[in-house]
Protein backbone atom coordinates (compact mmCIF):
# COMPACT_ATOMS: atom_id res chain seq x y z
CA GLY A 1 -0.11 27.14 -28.22
CA VAL A 2 2.45 24.41 -27.80
CA LEU A 3 2.44 24.68 -23.99
CA SER A 4 -1.28 23.97 -23.73
CA VAL A 5 -0.94 20.95 -26.01
CA LEU A 6 1.90 19.56 -23.90
CA LEU A 7 0.05 20.18 -20.64
CA GLY A 8 -3.15 18.75 -22.06
CA GLY A 9 -1.45 15.48 -22.87
CA ALA A 10 0.36 15.23 -19.53
CA GLY A 11 -2.73 14.25 -17.54
CA SER A 12 -3.62 11.35 -19.80
CA ALA A 13 -0.34 9.56 -19.02
CA GLN A 14 -1.60 8.78 -15.52
CA ALA A 15 -4.30 6.12 -15.78
CA GLN A 16 -7.20 6.06 -13.36
CA ASN A 17 -6.46 4.45 -10.00
CA LEU A 18 -9.07 1.75 -9.37
CA VAL A 19 -8.22 1.62 -5.67
CA THR A 20 -9.93 3.94 -3.18
CA ASN A 21 -7.62 5.76 -0.75
CA GLY A 22 -4.44 4.19 -2.16
CA SER A 23 -2.19 6.48 -0.12
CA PHE A 24 -4.23 6.08 3.10
CA GLU A 25 -4.82 9.85 3.25
CA PHE A 26 -8.58 9.88 3.94
CA THR A 27 -9.50 10.43 7.59
CA ALA A 28 -7.07 12.64 9.47
CA PHE A 29 -6.07 11.84 13.04
CA ALA A 30 -3.96 13.40 15.77
CA GLY A 31 -0.72 11.94 17.05
CA THR A 32 2.12 10.03 15.42
CA PHE A 33 0.22 6.81 14.66
CA ARG A 34 -2.84 4.86 15.66
CA THR A 35 -3.36 1.14 15.89
CA LEU A 36 -6.35 -0.19 13.94
CA PRO A 37 -7.45 -3.74 14.84
CA ALA A 38 -8.90 -6.27 12.40
CA GLY A 39 -12.42 -5.29 11.40
CA ASN A 40 -11.93 -1.60 12.23
CA GLY A 41 -13.66 0.53 9.57
CA PHE A 42 -11.67 3.74 10.04
CA LEU A 43 -9.34 3.25 7.04
CA THR A 44 -11.64 4.42 4.20
CA GLY A 45 -11.89 1.88 1.37
CA TRP A 46 -9.89 -0.86 3.10
CA THR A 47 -10.73 -3.89 5.22
CA ILE A 48 -8.22 -4.57 7.99
CA GLY A 49 -7.40 -8.17 8.89
CA GLY A 50 -5.01 -10.37 10.82
CA GLY A 51 -3.25 -8.73 13.77
CA GLY A 52 -4.26 -5.23 12.66
CA ILE A 53 -2.18 -2.37 11.30
CA ASP A 54 -0.69 0.94 12.40
CA HIS A 55 -1.87 4.04 10.48
CA ILE A 56 1.18 6.34 10.44
CA ASN A 57 1.36 10.17 10.32
CA ASP A 58 4.45 11.83 8.83
CA SER A 59 5.46 13.07 12.27
CA TYR A 60 6.44 9.42 12.94
CA TRP A 61 8.00 8.74 9.53
CA LEU A 62 7.69 10.42 6.13
CA ALA A 63 5.17 8.85 3.77
CA ALA A 64 6.00 7.96 0.17
CA ASP A 65 2.97 10.00 -0.93
CA GLY A 66 1.04 12.58 1.06
CA VAL A 67 1.34 12.55 4.85
CA ARG A 68 0.11 9.06 5.84
CA SER A 69 1.15 5.45 5.28
CA ILE A 70 0.63 2.16 7.09
CA ASP A 71 2.72 -0.42 8.93
CA LEU A 72 1.18 -3.81 8.12
CA ASN A 73 2.01 -5.02 11.64
CA ALA A 74 0.26 -3.64 14.70
CA LEU A 75 1.40 -6.01 17.48
CA SER A 76 1.54 -8.89 15.00
CA ALA A 77 1.18 -9.45 11.24
CA GLY A 78 -1.88 -7.78 9.73
CA SER A 79 -3.40 -7.12 6.33
CA VAL A 80 -5.45 -4.67 4.28
CA SER A 81 -7.74 -5.61 1.41
CA GLN A 82 -10.12 -3.96 -1.03
CA THR A 83 -12.42 -5.33 -3.73
CA ILE A 84 -12.42 -3.55 -7.09
CA ALA A 85 -14.43 -3.94 -10.30
CA THR A 86 -12.44 -5.76 -12.99
CA GLN A 87 -12.94 -7.18 -16.49
CA VAL A 88 -12.49 -10.93 -16.97
CA GLY A 89 -9.30 -11.61 -18.95
CA ALA A 90 -8.00 -8.04 -18.67
CA THR A 91 -4.50 -7.30 -17.37
CA TYR A 92 -4.08 -4.96 -14.40
CA ASN A 93 -0.92 -3.39 -13.05
CA VAL A 94 -0.59 -3.12 -9.28
CA SER A 95 2.09 -0.73 -8.06
CA PHE A 96 2.88 0.31 -4.51
CA ALA A 97 5.58 1.91 -2.39
CA MET A 98 7.17 -0.32 0.23
CA ALA A 99 9.60 0.32 3.06
CA GLY A 100 9.93 -1.26 6.50
CA ASN A 101 9.36 -0.13 10.06
CA PRO A 102 12.98 0.27 11.24
CA ASN A 103 12.19 0.17 14.98
CA SER A 104 12.67 -3.54 15.64
CA GLY A 105 12.06 -7.04 14.40
CA PRO A 106 13.71 -8.79 11.50
CA THR A 107 15.87 -6.78 9.11
CA LEU A 108 14.03 -8.21 6.10
CA LYS A 109 10.36 -7.17 5.95
CA THR A 110 8.12 -9.30 3.70
CA LEU A 111 4.61 -8.74 2.42
CA GLN A 112 2.40 -10.79 0.15
CA LEU A 113 0.37 -9.08 -2.56
CA ALA A 114 -2.71 -11.03 -3.64
CA PHE A 115 -4.81 -10.16 -6.66
CA GLY A 116 -7.72 -12.56 -6.85
CA GLY A 117 -6.18 -16.03 -6.68
CA SER A 118 -2.64 -14.94 -7.65
CA THR A 119 0.03 -13.97 -5.13
CA GLN A 120 3.51 -12.47 -5.20
CA ASN A 121 5.86 -11.82 -2.27
CA PHE A 122 7.97 -8.66 -1.94
CA GLN A 123 10.81 -7.91 0.48
CA PHE A 124 12.43 -4.77 1.86
CA ASP A 125 15.72 -4.65 3.81
CA ILE A 126 15.77 -1.98 6.55
CA THR A 127 19.56 -2.05 6.95
CA GLY A 128 20.78 1.55 7.19
CA ARG A 129 17.25 2.94 7.48
CA SER A 130 15.93 5.11 10.26
CA ARG A 131 12.74 6.97 10.85
CA PRO A 132 11.41 9.43 10.04
CA SER A 133 13.36 10.82 7.09
CA ASN A 134 15.32 7.86 5.69
CA MET A 135 12.66 5.23 5.03
CA GLY A 136 13.99 4.31 1.57
CA TRP A 137 10.56 3.88 -0.04
CA THR A 138 10.82 1.62 -3.10
CA THR A 139 8.13 1.24 -5.76
CA PHE A 140 7.23 -2.29 -6.80
CA SER A 141 4.96 -3.26 -9.67
CA GLN A 142 3.26 -6.49 -10.75
CA ASN A 143 0.82 -7.36 -13.53
CA PHE A 144 -2.14 -9.68 -12.93
CA VAL A 145 -4.95 -11.00 -15.13
CA ALA A 146 -8.46 -10.71 -13.70
CA THR A 147 -10.56 -13.88 -13.61
CA SER A 148 -13.75 -12.26 -12.32
CA THR A 149 -15.82 -9.08 -12.59
CA SER A 150 -14.71 -8.17 -9.07
CA THR A 151 -11.27 -8.83 -7.66
CA THR A 152 -9.95 -8.50 -4.13
CA ILE A 153 -6.50 -7.00 -3.81
CA SER A 154 -4.76 -7.57 -0.49
CA PHE A 155 -1.46 -6.85 1.19
CA THR A 156 -0.57 -9.22 4.02
CA SER A 157 2.50 -9.01 6.24
CA LEU A 158 4.61 -12.17 6.40
CA THR A 159 6.85 -10.53 9.03
CA THR A 160 6.67 -11.45 12.72
CA GLY A 161 6.54 -8.95 15.56
CA SER A 162 5.27 -5.40 15.84
CA SER A 163 7.47 -3.71 13.21
CA GLY A 164 6.47 -4.85 9.77
CA PRO A 165 6.47 -3.82 6.14
CA ALA A 166 5.39 -0.22 5.46
CA LEU A 167 2.96 0.41 2.61
CA ASP A 168 1.90 3.52 0.70
CA ARG A 169 0.83 4.77 -2.77
CA VAL A 170 -1.16 1.69 -3.85
CA HIS A 171 -2.21 2.11 -7.49
CA VAL A 172 -4.15 -0.36 -9.64
CA GLU A 173 -4.77 0.39 -13.30
CA LEU A 174 -6.10 -1.39 -16.34
CA VAL A 175 -3.26 -2.24 -18.75
CA ASN A 176 -5.32 -3.86 -21.54
């Protein structure tokens, strides 16, 4: 009937996510968070760089999606990156949820999103935010055109100190 037609069409609205482990859910761990240094391979699908990252469980703060997220700063600014297959000249939409570790550091948390050779900076103000329940996750979105058959997407903290931008729900999809 009508219900099955409506439900059948609902799934097609969500395009395939080209990123592996976009919500950092793969690989469970005990405790509130764990620090992962540059080069650590524990975060499935992602390469960790810079000063490392903190992999956060929802007992520390609530994730935007699922039960895990990341703080892009371990003791200093870090990064995560992943290379995906792309089509030259095609447009891709990158969306992600961003908040900020409210524990310390600057009020304004900044990250840089890179898609191939293109970059865009995003900021999140932690004023009035507290962990774990009031993170204020905000979804940002940016379109990029691929210039190669494989493209590296990366998120790099531009925030000093040990409390950086929080990242979750990374989604990359082909627009056209």
